N, C-alpha and C. Protein backbone atom coordinates (compact mmCIF):
# COMPACT_ATOMS: atom_id res chain seq x y z
N MET A 1 -71.71 14.55 44.09
CA MET A 1 -72.63 14.03 43.07
C MET A 1 -72.42 14.76 41.75
N THR A 2 -72.31 14.02 40.66
CA THR A 2 -72.14 14.59 39.33
C THR A 2 -73.29 14.14 38.42
N LEU A 3 -73.41 14.77 37.26
CA LEU A 3 -74.43 14.34 36.30
C LEU A 3 -74.17 12.91 35.86
N ALA A 4 -72.91 12.53 35.73
CA ALA A 4 -72.57 11.16 35.33
C ALA A 4 -73.05 10.15 36.38
N ASN A 5 -72.95 10.51 37.66
CA ASN A 5 -73.47 9.65 38.73
C ASN A 5 -74.98 9.45 38.58
N LEU A 6 -75.67 10.53 38.23
CA LEU A 6 -77.12 10.46 38.07
C LEU A 6 -77.51 9.56 36.90
N ASN A 7 -76.69 9.58 35.84
CA ASN A 7 -77.00 8.77 34.67
C ASN A 7 -77.07 7.29 35.02
N LYS A 8 -76.24 6.85 35.93
CA LYS A 8 -76.27 5.44 36.35
C LYS A 8 -77.60 5.11 37.03
N LYS A 9 -78.11 6.06 37.78
CA LYS A 9 -79.41 5.86 38.44
C LYS A 9 -80.54 5.84 37.40
N TYR A 10 -80.43 6.70 36.39
CA TYR A 10 -81.45 6.71 35.33
C TYR A 10 -81.47 5.39 34.58
N ASP A 11 -80.30 4.81 34.35
CA ASP A 11 -80.24 3.53 33.64
C ASP A 11 -80.93 2.43 34.44
N LYS A 12 -80.80 2.47 35.75
CA LYS A 12 -81.48 1.47 36.59
C LYS A 12 -82.99 1.64 36.51
N LEU A 13 -83.45 2.88 36.52
CA LEU A 13 -84.89 3.14 36.45
C LEU A 13 -85.46 2.81 35.07
N GLN A 14 -84.64 2.92 34.03
CA GLN A 14 -85.08 2.54 32.69
C GLN A 14 -85.50 1.07 32.66
N LYS A 15 -84.76 0.24 33.36
CA LYS A 15 -85.07 -1.19 33.38
C LYS A 15 -86.40 -1.47 34.07
N ILE A 16 -86.81 -0.56 34.95
CA ILE A 16 -88.07 -0.75 35.68
C ILE A 16 -89.26 -0.12 34.93
N TYR A 17 -89.06 1.10 34.44
CA TYR A 17 -90.19 1.87 33.90
C TYR A 17 -90.15 2.11 32.40
N GLY A 18 -89.01 1.83 31.76
CA GLY A 18 -88.89 2.12 30.33
C GLY A 18 -89.00 0.89 29.47
N ALA A 19 -88.95 1.10 28.16
CA ALA A 19 -88.96 -0.01 27.21
C ALA A 19 -87.62 -0.75 27.30
N LYS A 20 -87.69 -2.04 27.42
CA LYS A 20 -86.48 -2.84 27.64
C LYS A 20 -85.51 -2.78 26.47
N GLU A 21 -86.05 -2.54 25.26
CA GLU A 21 -85.18 -2.52 24.08
C GLU A 21 -84.56 -1.15 23.81
N LEU A 22 -84.85 -0.17 24.68
CA LEU A 22 -84.33 1.18 24.50
C LEU A 22 -83.51 1.61 25.72
N ASN A 23 -82.62 2.57 25.50
CA ASN A 23 -81.84 3.14 26.59
C ASN A 23 -82.49 4.42 27.12
N SER A 24 -82.16 4.77 28.33
CA SER A 24 -82.66 6.02 28.90
C SER A 24 -81.96 7.20 28.23
N ILE A 25 -82.64 8.34 28.27
CA ILE A 25 -82.10 9.59 27.73
C ILE A 25 -81.85 10.52 28.91
N TYR A 26 -80.70 11.19 28.92
CA TYR A 26 -80.30 11.97 30.07
C TYR A 26 -80.65 13.46 29.91
N ASN A 27 -79.72 14.26 29.49
CA ASN A 27 -79.88 15.71 29.41
C ASN A 27 -78.77 16.24 28.50
N GLY A 28 -78.68 17.55 28.35
CA GLY A 28 -77.60 18.10 27.54
C GLY A 28 -77.60 19.61 27.52
N GLY A 29 -76.44 20.17 27.21
CA GLY A 29 -76.32 21.62 27.11
C GLY A 29 -75.33 22.19 28.10
N CYS A 30 -75.58 23.40 28.52
CA CYS A 30 -74.71 24.12 29.45
C CYS A 30 -74.88 23.58 30.87
N GLU A 31 -73.82 23.06 31.44
CA GLU A 31 -73.90 22.39 32.74
C GLU A 31 -73.46 23.29 33.90
N GLU A 32 -73.09 24.53 33.60
CA GLU A 32 -72.66 25.45 34.65
C GLU A 32 -73.44 26.76 34.55
N ASN A 33 -74.36 26.94 35.43
CA ASN A 33 -75.16 28.17 35.52
C ASN A 33 -75.82 28.57 34.20
N PRO A 34 -76.57 27.66 33.58
CA PRO A 34 -77.27 28.04 32.35
C PRO A 34 -78.31 29.13 32.63
N ASN A 35 -78.60 29.90 31.59
CA ASN A 35 -79.67 30.89 31.73
C ASN A 35 -81.01 30.21 31.99
N ILE A 36 -81.26 29.14 31.22
CA ILE A 36 -82.54 28.44 31.33
C ILE A 36 -82.32 26.94 31.38
N CYS A 37 -83.03 26.29 32.28
CA CYS A 37 -83.16 24.83 32.29
C CYS A 37 -84.57 24.50 31.82
N PHE A 38 -84.67 23.83 30.67
CA PHE A 38 -85.96 23.41 30.13
C PHE A 38 -86.26 21.99 30.60
N VAL A 39 -87.43 21.79 31.22
CA VAL A 39 -87.80 20.46 31.72
C VAL A 39 -89.02 19.95 30.97
N PHE A 40 -88.82 18.93 30.15
CA PHE A 40 -89.90 18.30 29.40
C PHE A 40 -90.41 17.06 30.16
N MET A 41 -91.18 16.21 29.50
CA MET A 41 -91.82 15.08 30.18
C MET A 41 -90.92 13.84 30.22
N ASN A 42 -90.88 13.10 29.12
CA ASN A 42 -90.04 11.90 29.04
C ASN A 42 -89.78 11.59 27.58
N PRO A 43 -88.68 10.90 27.29
CA PRO A 43 -88.32 10.61 25.90
C PRO A 43 -89.11 9.44 25.33
N THR A 44 -89.11 9.37 23.99
CA THR A 44 -89.74 8.24 23.30
C THR A 44 -88.73 7.63 22.33
N GLY A 45 -89.12 6.53 21.73
CA GLY A 45 -88.27 5.85 20.78
C GLY A 45 -87.99 6.63 19.51
N ARG A 46 -88.64 7.78 19.33
CA ARG A 46 -88.31 8.63 18.19
C ARG A 46 -86.93 9.26 18.36
N ASN A 47 -86.46 9.30 19.60
CA ASN A 47 -85.11 9.80 19.86
C ASN A 47 -84.13 8.68 19.56
N ILE A 48 -83.37 8.84 18.47
CA ILE A 48 -82.51 7.73 18.04
C ILE A 48 -81.34 7.49 18.98
N ALA A 49 -81.10 8.43 19.89
CA ALA A 49 -80.04 8.21 20.89
C ALA A 49 -80.43 7.12 21.89
N SER A 50 -81.70 6.73 21.88
CA SER A 50 -82.14 5.67 22.79
C SER A 50 -81.89 4.28 22.22
N PHE A 51 -81.47 4.19 20.95
CA PHE A 51 -81.23 2.90 20.33
C PHE A 51 -79.97 2.26 20.93
N LYS A 52 -79.99 0.95 21.02
CA LYS A 52 -78.89 0.23 21.66
C LYS A 52 -77.55 0.39 20.92
N ASN A 53 -77.61 0.65 19.62
CA ASN A 53 -76.36 0.78 18.86
C ASN A 53 -75.83 2.21 18.82
N TRP A 54 -76.51 3.14 19.50
CA TRP A 54 -76.07 4.55 19.53
C TRP A 54 -74.96 4.70 20.55
N LYS A 55 -73.83 5.26 20.13
CA LYS A 55 -72.67 5.41 21.01
C LYS A 55 -72.41 6.87 21.41
N GLY A 56 -73.23 7.78 20.90
CA GLY A 56 -73.01 9.20 21.17
C GLY A 56 -73.72 9.68 22.42
N ILE A 57 -73.88 11.00 22.52
CA ILE A 57 -74.54 11.58 23.67
C ILE A 57 -76.01 11.13 23.72
N LYS A 58 -76.54 11.02 24.91
CA LYS A 58 -77.94 10.61 25.09
C LYS A 58 -78.73 11.80 25.64
N SER A 59 -78.99 12.74 24.75
CA SER A 59 -79.67 13.97 25.13
C SER A 59 -81.06 14.02 24.50
N PRO A 60 -81.95 14.85 25.05
CA PRO A 60 -83.34 14.91 24.54
C PRO A 60 -83.44 15.36 23.09
N TRP A 61 -84.45 14.84 22.41
CA TRP A 61 -84.91 15.31 21.09
C TRP A 61 -83.93 15.03 19.95
N ILE A 62 -82.97 14.16 20.13
CA ILE A 62 -82.06 13.80 19.04
C ILE A 62 -82.83 12.98 18.00
N GLY A 63 -82.75 13.42 16.74
CA GLY A 63 -83.46 12.71 15.68
C GLY A 63 -84.90 13.16 15.48
N THR A 64 -85.31 14.21 16.17
CA THR A 64 -86.67 14.73 16.02
C THR A 64 -86.62 16.12 15.39
N LYS A 65 -87.78 16.61 14.93
CA LYS A 65 -87.83 17.89 14.24
C LYS A 65 -88.62 18.97 14.98
N ASN A 66 -89.84 18.64 15.41
CA ASN A 66 -90.81 19.67 15.78
C ASN A 66 -90.37 20.56 16.95
N ILE A 67 -89.71 19.98 17.95
CA ILE A 67 -89.35 20.79 19.12
C ILE A 67 -88.38 21.90 18.76
N TRP A 68 -87.58 21.68 17.72
CA TRP A 68 -86.59 22.68 17.35
C TRP A 68 -87.23 23.91 16.72
N ASP A 69 -88.52 23.79 16.29
CA ASP A 69 -89.27 24.96 15.84
C ASP A 69 -89.38 25.98 16.97
N LEU A 70 -89.57 25.46 18.18
CA LEU A 70 -89.68 26.33 19.36
C LEU A 70 -88.37 27.10 19.57
N PHE A 71 -87.26 26.40 19.53
CA PHE A 71 -85.97 27.04 19.77
C PHE A 71 -85.64 28.03 18.65
N ASP A 72 -86.01 27.70 17.43
CA ASP A 72 -85.78 28.63 16.32
C ASP A 72 -86.61 29.90 16.50
N ALA A 73 -87.87 29.76 16.88
CA ALA A 73 -88.73 30.92 17.08
C ALA A 73 -88.22 31.82 18.20
N LEU A 74 -87.48 31.23 19.14
CA LEU A 74 -86.93 31.98 20.28
C LEU A 74 -85.51 32.48 20.01
N ASN A 75 -85.01 32.22 18.80
CA ASN A 75 -83.62 32.58 18.45
C ASN A 75 -82.61 31.91 19.39
N LEU A 76 -82.90 30.67 19.74
CA LEU A 76 -82.04 29.93 20.65
C LEU A 76 -81.36 28.75 19.96
N ILE A 77 -81.25 28.84 18.64
CA ILE A 77 -80.52 27.82 17.89
C ILE A 77 -79.93 28.49 16.66
N LYS A 78 -78.73 28.09 16.27
CA LYS A 78 -78.07 28.66 15.09
C LYS A 78 -78.90 28.33 13.85
N PRO A 79 -79.21 29.30 13.02
CA PRO A 79 -80.06 29.06 11.84
C PRO A 79 -79.56 27.92 10.94
N SER A 80 -78.26 27.80 10.76
CA SER A 80 -77.74 26.74 9.89
C SER A 80 -77.99 25.36 10.47
N ILE A 81 -77.93 25.25 11.80
CA ILE A 81 -78.20 23.96 12.45
C ILE A 81 -79.68 23.63 12.35
N TYR A 82 -80.52 24.63 12.59
CA TYR A 82 -81.97 24.41 12.48
C TYR A 82 -82.34 23.99 11.06
N LYS A 83 -81.76 24.62 10.08
CA LYS A 83 -82.05 24.30 8.68
C LYS A 83 -81.69 22.84 8.38
N LYS A 84 -80.55 22.39 8.92
CA LYS A 84 -80.16 21.00 8.68
C LYS A 84 -81.10 20.04 9.39
N ILE A 85 -81.50 20.37 10.63
CA ILE A 85 -82.44 19.51 11.36
C ILE A 85 -83.71 19.31 10.55
N LYS A 86 -84.21 20.39 9.94
CA LYS A 86 -85.46 20.33 9.19
C LYS A 86 -85.31 19.64 7.83
N SER A 87 -84.07 19.55 7.34
CA SER A 87 -83.86 19.02 5.99
C SER A 87 -83.51 17.54 5.97
N ILE A 88 -83.10 16.99 7.12
CA ILE A 88 -82.70 15.57 7.13
C ILE A 88 -83.74 14.72 7.87
N LYS A 89 -83.72 13.43 7.58
CA LYS A 89 -84.57 12.50 8.30
C LYS A 89 -84.01 12.26 9.70
N GLY A 90 -84.87 11.86 10.61
CA GLY A 90 -84.41 11.57 11.97
C GLY A 90 -83.32 10.52 11.99
N SER A 91 -83.45 9.53 11.13
CA SER A 91 -82.46 8.44 11.08
C SER A 91 -81.12 8.89 10.53
N GLU A 92 -81.08 10.10 9.93
CA GLU A 92 -79.85 10.61 9.33
C GLU A 92 -79.01 11.43 10.31
N TRP A 93 -79.54 11.64 11.51
CA TRP A 93 -78.70 12.29 12.53
C TRP A 93 -77.51 11.37 12.81
N THR A 94 -76.33 11.95 12.84
CA THR A 94 -75.14 11.19 13.24
C THR A 94 -74.76 11.58 14.66
N GLU A 95 -73.89 10.79 15.24
CA GLU A 95 -73.42 11.11 16.59
C GLU A 95 -72.66 12.44 16.58
N GLU A 96 -71.99 12.74 15.47
CA GLU A 96 -71.26 14.00 15.35
C GLU A 96 -72.22 15.18 15.25
N PHE A 97 -73.31 15.00 14.50
CA PHE A 97 -74.28 16.09 14.36
C PHE A 97 -74.98 16.35 15.69
N ALA A 98 -75.29 15.28 16.43
CA ALA A 98 -75.91 15.45 17.74
C ALA A 98 -75.01 16.28 18.65
N LEU A 99 -73.71 16.02 18.60
CA LEU A 99 -72.76 16.81 19.39
C LEU A 99 -72.76 18.27 18.94
N GLU A 100 -72.84 18.49 17.63
CA GLU A 100 -72.86 19.86 17.10
C GLU A 100 -74.10 20.60 17.60
N VAL A 101 -75.24 19.92 17.57
CA VAL A 101 -76.49 20.54 18.04
C VAL A 101 -76.37 20.92 19.51
N TYR A 102 -75.87 20.02 20.32
CA TYR A 102 -75.82 20.29 21.75
C TYR A 102 -74.67 21.21 22.15
N GLU A 103 -73.68 21.34 21.31
CA GLU A 103 -72.66 22.37 21.53
C GLU A 103 -73.31 23.74 21.32
N ASP A 104 -74.22 23.82 20.35
CA ASP A 104 -74.95 25.07 20.12
C ASP A 104 -75.91 25.35 21.28
N VAL A 105 -76.56 24.32 21.78
CA VAL A 105 -77.41 24.47 22.96
C VAL A 105 -76.59 25.04 24.13
N LYS A 106 -75.40 24.49 24.30
CA LYS A 106 -74.50 24.97 25.36
C LYS A 106 -74.11 26.42 25.13
N ASN A 107 -73.79 26.77 23.89
CA ASN A 107 -73.38 28.14 23.58
C ASN A 107 -74.50 29.15 23.83
N HIS A 108 -75.74 28.69 23.72
CA HIS A 108 -76.89 29.56 24.01
C HIS A 108 -77.23 29.56 25.51
N LYS A 109 -76.38 28.89 26.29
CA LYS A 109 -76.53 28.84 27.75
C LYS A 109 -77.86 28.22 28.18
N LEU A 110 -78.17 27.09 27.53
CA LEU A 110 -79.39 26.35 27.83
C LEU A 110 -79.03 24.95 28.31
N PHE A 111 -79.91 24.40 29.13
CA PHE A 111 -79.80 23.01 29.57
C PHE A 111 -81.15 22.37 29.32
N ILE A 112 -81.16 21.25 28.60
CA ILE A 112 -82.41 20.58 28.24
C ILE A 112 -82.46 19.22 28.93
N THR A 113 -83.57 18.97 29.60
CA THR A 113 -83.72 17.71 30.31
C THR A 113 -85.19 17.29 30.30
N ASN A 114 -85.46 16.09 30.78
CA ASN A 114 -86.81 15.60 31.01
C ASN A 114 -86.97 15.30 32.49
N LEU A 115 -88.19 15.42 32.99
CA LEU A 115 -88.44 14.97 34.35
C LEU A 115 -88.21 13.47 34.43
N GLY A 116 -88.86 12.72 33.55
CA GLY A 116 -88.66 11.28 33.47
C GLY A 116 -87.64 10.95 32.40
N LYS A 117 -86.68 10.11 32.72
CA LYS A 117 -85.68 9.72 31.73
C LYS A 117 -85.97 8.33 31.15
N CYS A 118 -87.10 7.75 31.50
CA CYS A 118 -87.43 6.40 31.04
C CYS A 118 -88.04 6.47 29.64
N THR A 119 -87.29 6.01 28.65
CA THR A 119 -87.73 6.06 27.26
C THR A 119 -88.83 5.03 27.01
N GLN A 120 -89.91 5.50 26.39
CA GLN A 120 -91.01 4.62 26.01
C GLN A 120 -91.01 4.44 24.49
N ILE A 121 -91.67 3.41 24.02
CA ILE A 121 -91.77 3.16 22.58
C ILE A 121 -92.45 4.34 21.88
N ASP A 122 -93.50 4.86 22.51
CA ASP A 122 -94.27 5.94 21.91
C ASP A 122 -94.60 6.98 22.97
N ALA A 123 -95.47 7.90 22.62
CA ALA A 123 -95.79 9.01 23.53
C ALA A 123 -96.95 8.67 24.47
N ARG A 124 -96.97 7.47 24.97
CA ARG A 124 -98.04 7.05 25.90
C ARG A 124 -97.95 7.86 27.19
N PRO A 125 -99.10 8.21 27.78
CA PRO A 125 -99.08 8.96 29.04
C PRO A 125 -98.53 8.10 30.18
N LEU A 126 -97.76 8.73 31.03
CA LEU A 126 -97.21 8.03 32.19
C LEU A 126 -97.93 8.49 33.45
N PRO A 127 -98.17 7.59 34.38
CA PRO A 127 -98.81 7.98 35.64
C PRO A 127 -97.89 8.83 36.50
N ASP A 128 -98.48 9.61 37.38
CA ASP A 128 -97.70 10.50 38.23
C ASP A 128 -96.62 9.78 39.03
N PHE A 129 -96.93 8.56 39.50
CA PHE A 129 -96.00 7.91 40.41
C PHE A 129 -94.66 7.63 39.74
N ILE A 130 -94.65 7.42 38.42
CA ILE A 130 -93.38 7.19 37.73
C ILE A 130 -92.56 8.47 37.70
N TYR A 131 -93.20 9.58 37.36
CA TYR A 131 -92.48 10.85 37.36
C TYR A 131 -91.94 11.19 38.76
N LYS A 132 -92.72 10.86 39.76
CA LYS A 132 -92.28 11.17 41.13
C LYS A 132 -91.05 10.37 41.52
N GLU A 133 -90.84 9.22 40.89
CA GLU A 133 -89.62 8.44 41.14
C GLU A 133 -88.38 9.19 40.68
N TYR A 134 -88.56 10.12 39.76
CA TYR A 134 -87.44 10.88 39.21
C TYR A 134 -87.28 12.26 39.84
N LEU A 135 -88.21 12.68 40.66
CA LEU A 135 -88.20 14.05 41.15
C LEU A 135 -86.95 14.39 41.97
N SER A 136 -86.56 13.50 42.86
CA SER A 136 -85.38 13.79 43.68
C SER A 136 -84.12 13.87 42.82
N LEU A 137 -84.09 13.10 41.73
CA LEU A 137 -82.93 13.12 40.83
C LEU A 137 -82.92 14.41 40.01
N LEU A 138 -84.10 14.87 39.60
CA LEU A 138 -84.15 16.16 38.90
C LEU A 138 -83.67 17.28 39.82
N LYS A 139 -84.05 17.22 41.07
CA LYS A 139 -83.58 18.23 42.02
C LYS A 139 -82.06 18.21 42.13
N LYS A 140 -81.47 17.02 42.08
CA LYS A 140 -80.01 16.91 42.11
C LYS A 140 -79.40 17.56 40.87
N GLU A 141 -80.03 17.31 39.71
CA GLU A 141 -79.56 17.95 38.47
C GLU A 141 -79.54 19.46 38.63
N ILE A 142 -80.62 20.00 39.17
CA ILE A 142 -80.74 21.44 39.34
C ILE A 142 -79.68 21.95 40.30
N GLU A 143 -79.45 21.23 41.38
CA GLU A 143 -78.41 21.64 42.33
C GLU A 143 -77.03 21.64 41.68
N ILE A 144 -76.78 20.70 40.78
CA ILE A 144 -75.48 20.61 40.13
C ILE A 144 -75.27 21.74 39.13
N ILE A 145 -76.27 22.02 38.31
CA ILE A 145 -76.07 23.00 37.23
C ILE A 145 -76.38 24.44 37.65
N LYS A 146 -77.24 24.62 38.64
CA LYS A 146 -77.58 25.95 39.17
C LYS A 146 -78.07 26.93 38.08
N PRO A 147 -79.22 26.64 37.47
CA PRO A 147 -79.74 27.52 36.42
C PRO A 147 -80.34 28.80 36.99
N LYS A 148 -80.38 29.84 36.15
CA LYS A 148 -81.01 31.09 36.56
C LYS A 148 -82.52 30.94 36.63
N VAL A 149 -83.08 30.25 35.63
CA VAL A 149 -84.53 30.08 35.53
C VAL A 149 -84.82 28.66 35.08
N ILE A 150 -85.90 28.09 35.57
CA ILE A 150 -86.32 26.75 35.17
C ILE A 150 -87.70 26.84 34.55
N ILE A 151 -87.84 26.33 33.33
CA ILE A 151 -89.11 26.35 32.62
C ILE A 151 -89.66 24.94 32.54
N LEU A 152 -90.85 24.76 33.08
CA LEU A 152 -91.51 23.46 33.13
C LEU A 152 -92.59 23.40 32.06
N PHE A 153 -92.64 22.30 31.31
CA PHE A 153 -93.60 22.18 30.22
C PHE A 153 -94.79 21.30 30.61
N GLY A 154 -95.97 21.89 30.61
CA GLY A 154 -97.20 21.13 30.81
C GLY A 154 -97.66 21.03 32.25
N ASN A 155 -98.95 20.70 32.40
CA ASN A 155 -99.57 20.63 33.72
C ASN A 155 -98.97 19.55 34.60
N GLN A 156 -98.75 18.36 34.02
CA GLN A 156 -98.31 17.23 34.83
C GLN A 156 -96.90 17.45 35.38
N VAL A 157 -95.98 17.81 34.51
CA VAL A 157 -94.61 18.07 34.94
C VAL A 157 -94.57 19.21 35.95
N SER A 158 -95.31 20.29 35.66
CA SER A 158 -95.31 21.45 36.56
C SER A 158 -95.85 21.08 37.94
N SER A 159 -96.93 20.32 37.96
CA SER A 159 -97.55 19.95 39.24
C SER A 159 -96.62 19.07 40.08
N ILE A 160 -95.94 18.12 39.42
CA ILE A 160 -95.07 17.21 40.16
C ILE A 160 -93.83 17.92 40.66
N VAL A 161 -93.21 18.74 39.82
CA VAL A 161 -91.97 19.42 40.22
C VAL A 161 -92.26 20.46 41.30
N LEU A 162 -93.34 21.20 41.14
CA LEU A 162 -93.65 22.25 42.12
C LEU A 162 -94.40 21.71 43.33
N GLU A 163 -94.81 20.44 43.24
CA GLU A 163 -95.49 19.75 44.34
C GLU A 163 -96.76 20.48 44.78
N GLN A 164 -97.49 20.95 43.78
CA GLN A 164 -98.81 21.55 43.98
C GLN A 164 -99.55 21.47 42.66
N LYS A 165 -100.87 21.53 42.71
CA LYS A 165 -101.67 21.43 41.50
C LYS A 165 -101.47 22.69 40.65
N ILE A 166 -101.00 22.48 39.41
CA ILE A 166 -100.73 23.59 38.51
C ILE A 166 -101.55 23.42 37.23
N SER A 167 -102.22 24.49 36.84
CA SER A 167 -102.86 24.57 35.54
C SER A 167 -102.13 25.65 34.75
N VAL A 168 -101.49 25.27 33.65
CA VAL A 168 -100.70 26.24 32.89
C VAL A 168 -101.56 27.43 32.47
N SER A 169 -102.80 27.16 32.07
CA SER A 169 -103.66 28.25 31.59
C SER A 169 -103.92 29.29 32.67
N GLN A 170 -103.84 28.88 33.93
CA GLN A 170 -104.06 29.81 35.05
C GLN A 170 -102.75 30.34 35.63
N SER A 171 -101.62 29.89 35.09
CA SER A 171 -100.33 30.23 35.71
C SER A 171 -99.35 30.88 34.74
N ARG A 172 -99.85 31.33 33.61
CA ARG A 172 -98.95 31.92 32.61
C ARG A 172 -98.23 33.15 33.16
N LYS A 173 -96.91 33.18 32.94
CA LYS A 173 -96.06 34.30 33.35
C LYS A 173 -96.04 34.50 34.87
N GLN A 174 -96.36 33.45 35.59
CA GLN A 174 -96.31 33.49 37.06
C GLN A 174 -95.03 32.81 37.53
N CYS A 175 -94.28 33.50 38.36
CA CYS A 175 -93.03 32.95 38.88
C CYS A 175 -93.30 32.19 40.18
N PHE A 176 -92.83 30.95 40.24
CA PHE A 176 -92.91 30.14 41.46
C PHE A 176 -91.50 30.03 42.03
N ILE A 177 -91.38 30.33 43.30
CA ILE A 177 -90.09 30.21 43.97
C ILE A 177 -90.07 28.91 44.78
N LYS A 178 -89.08 28.08 44.50
CA LYS A 178 -88.98 26.80 45.21
C LYS A 178 -87.54 26.60 45.65
N LYS A 179 -87.37 26.21 46.89
CA LYS A 179 -86.03 25.98 47.43
C LYS A 179 -85.61 24.54 47.17
N ILE A 180 -84.42 24.41 46.63
CA ILE A 180 -83.82 23.09 46.41
C ILE A 180 -82.45 23.12 47.05
N GLY A 181 -82.24 22.26 48.01
CA GLY A 181 -81.01 22.36 48.79
C GLY A 181 -81.02 23.65 49.56
N LYS A 182 -80.00 24.46 49.41
CA LYS A 182 -79.91 25.72 50.14
C LYS A 182 -80.23 26.93 49.26
N THR A 183 -80.65 26.65 48.02
CA THR A 183 -80.85 27.74 47.06
C THR A 183 -82.30 27.81 46.61
N SER A 184 -82.81 29.02 46.48
CA SER A 184 -84.15 29.24 45.95
C SER A 184 -84.07 29.47 44.44
N TYR A 185 -84.91 28.78 43.69
CA TYR A 185 -84.89 28.87 42.23
C TYR A 185 -86.23 29.42 41.72
N LYS A 186 -86.15 30.05 40.55
CA LYS A 186 -87.35 30.58 39.90
C LYS A 186 -87.85 29.57 38.87
N PHE A 187 -89.13 29.24 38.98
CA PHE A 187 -89.77 28.30 38.06
C PHE A 187 -90.91 29.00 37.33
N TYR A 188 -91.09 28.65 36.06
CA TYR A 188 -92.24 29.09 35.29
C TYR A 188 -92.86 27.88 34.60
N SER A 189 -94.16 27.88 34.49
CA SER A 189 -94.88 26.80 33.83
C SER A 189 -95.42 27.31 32.49
N VAL A 190 -95.12 26.57 31.41
CA VAL A 190 -95.62 26.96 30.09
C VAL A 190 -96.28 25.77 29.41
N TYR A 191 -97.04 26.06 28.37
CA TYR A 191 -97.72 25.01 27.62
C TYR A 191 -96.72 24.05 26.97
N TYR A 192 -97.09 22.77 26.92
CA TYR A 192 -96.27 21.79 26.22
C TYR A 192 -96.41 22.04 24.72
N PRO A 193 -95.29 22.19 23.99
CA PRO A 193 -95.38 22.71 22.62
C PRO A 193 -95.34 21.69 21.49
N VAL A 194 -95.32 20.40 21.80
CA VAL A 194 -95.23 19.40 20.74
C VAL A 194 -96.27 18.31 20.97
N GLY A 195 -96.39 17.40 20.00
CA GLY A 195 -97.37 16.34 20.13
C GLY A 195 -98.79 16.89 20.17
N ASN A 196 -99.57 16.43 21.14
CA ASN A 196 -100.94 16.93 21.28
C ASN A 196 -100.98 18.40 21.66
N GLY A 197 -99.86 18.93 22.18
CA GLY A 197 -99.81 20.33 22.57
C GLY A 197 -99.31 21.26 21.48
N ARG A 198 -99.14 20.72 20.26
CA ARG A 198 -98.59 21.51 19.17
C ARG A 198 -99.39 22.80 18.91
N PHE A 199 -100.72 22.73 19.08
CA PHE A 199 -101.55 23.90 18.80
C PHE A 199 -101.32 25.02 19.83
N ASN A 200 -100.57 24.71 20.91
CA ASN A 200 -100.27 25.73 21.93
C ASN A 200 -98.86 26.30 21.79
N ILE A 201 -98.16 25.94 20.70
CA ILE A 201 -96.75 26.37 20.61
C ILE A 201 -96.62 27.89 20.58
N ASP A 202 -97.57 28.59 19.98
CA ASP A 202 -97.48 30.05 19.95
C ASP A 202 -97.55 30.65 21.35
N LYS A 203 -98.37 30.04 22.21
CA LYS A 203 -98.46 30.52 23.59
C LYS A 203 -97.15 30.21 24.34
N SER A 204 -96.56 29.05 24.05
CA SER A 204 -95.28 28.71 24.67
C SER A 204 -94.21 29.73 24.27
N ILE A 205 -94.18 30.05 22.99
CA ILE A 205 -93.19 31.00 22.48
C ILE A 205 -93.40 32.36 23.12
N GLU A 206 -94.64 32.81 23.17
CA GLU A 206 -94.94 34.11 23.77
C GLU A 206 -94.48 34.17 25.22
N ASP A 207 -94.79 33.14 25.99
CA ASP A 207 -94.46 33.16 27.42
C ASP A 207 -92.96 33.06 27.65
N ILE A 208 -92.27 32.22 26.86
CA ILE A 208 -90.83 32.07 27.06
C ILE A 208 -90.10 33.35 26.66
N LYS A 209 -90.56 34.01 25.59
CA LYS A 209 -89.97 35.30 25.23
C LYS A 209 -90.12 36.30 26.37
N TRP A 210 -91.28 36.29 26.99
CA TRP A 210 -91.54 37.19 28.12
C TRP A 210 -90.61 36.87 29.29
N ILE A 211 -90.44 35.57 29.57
CA ILE A 211 -89.57 35.14 30.67
C ILE A 211 -88.12 35.55 30.40
N ILE A 212 -87.66 35.33 29.16
CA ILE A 212 -86.29 35.70 28.81
C ILE A 212 -86.09 37.20 28.98
N ASP A 213 -87.05 37.98 28.52
CA ASP A 213 -86.93 39.44 28.63
C ASP A 213 -86.91 39.88 30.08
N LYS A 214 -87.71 39.23 30.90
CA LYS A 214 -87.81 39.63 32.32
C LYS A 214 -86.65 39.12 33.15
N GLU A 215 -86.27 37.88 32.95
CA GLU A 215 -85.32 37.23 33.86
C GLU A 215 -83.89 37.16 33.34
N ILE A 216 -83.71 37.24 32.02
CA ILE A 216 -82.37 37.05 31.46
C ILE A 216 -81.83 38.31 30.80
N ASP A 217 -82.51 38.81 29.78
CA ASP A 217 -81.97 39.90 28.98
C ASP A 217 -81.74 41.17 29.80
N GLN A 218 -82.72 41.54 30.60
CA GLN A 218 -82.59 42.77 31.37
C GLN A 218 -81.44 42.69 32.37
N LYS A 219 -81.30 41.54 33.00
CA LYS A 219 -80.22 41.36 34.00
C LYS A 219 -78.86 41.36 33.34
N GLU A 220 -78.76 40.74 32.13
CA GLU A 220 -77.47 40.71 31.44
C GLU A 220 -77.11 42.10 30.92
N ALA A 221 -78.13 42.89 30.58
CA ALA A 221 -77.90 44.26 30.13
C ALA A 221 -77.31 45.11 31.24
N VAL A 222 -77.74 44.85 32.48
CA VAL A 222 -77.22 45.58 33.65
C VAL A 222 -75.75 45.20 33.86
């Protein structure tokens, strides 16, 4: 099983659960043992890679601005790339620039994905059962890339992936160990940092910095 194989499955699910006029969004970044796998909710039509005329990579957050504030605050994006993201309109992203952004994501040893790959017109809430349709496929993604740490954004995504009721406010900086296939992985749940969760971005930054210091930096120093 490869990531490309999974993309075909995501496209089929887009026809069932996503907007018919948009394409599904997959993932992007370091595909071999990334330091961190970031798992968000689901894409919206603000991601211009979901447009039918887009021929480039179909990775999360292409053509958007706010989420990259998080990566900049964590020093996980090249300053020149972040500056360009903030200076251009979403519609001005080119397929070449999207590749440049995700090459930088790869160089920072990050993998960015969504639990649900079904693109919606807007940020409408999705019921649990739709996300659960994608859970086995997300587990396959994790088995393929083998990340050191997995960061889940928000209560809903955390609860579905960890298969238990999770409240981020009660689980900050708590490591959850979950076995996928034959390997046990470390999961952390953090506040969703964009949209309605924008006011929690400082808490997201604080917790992710703590996770990086605990799980990544110290181990790489050794």
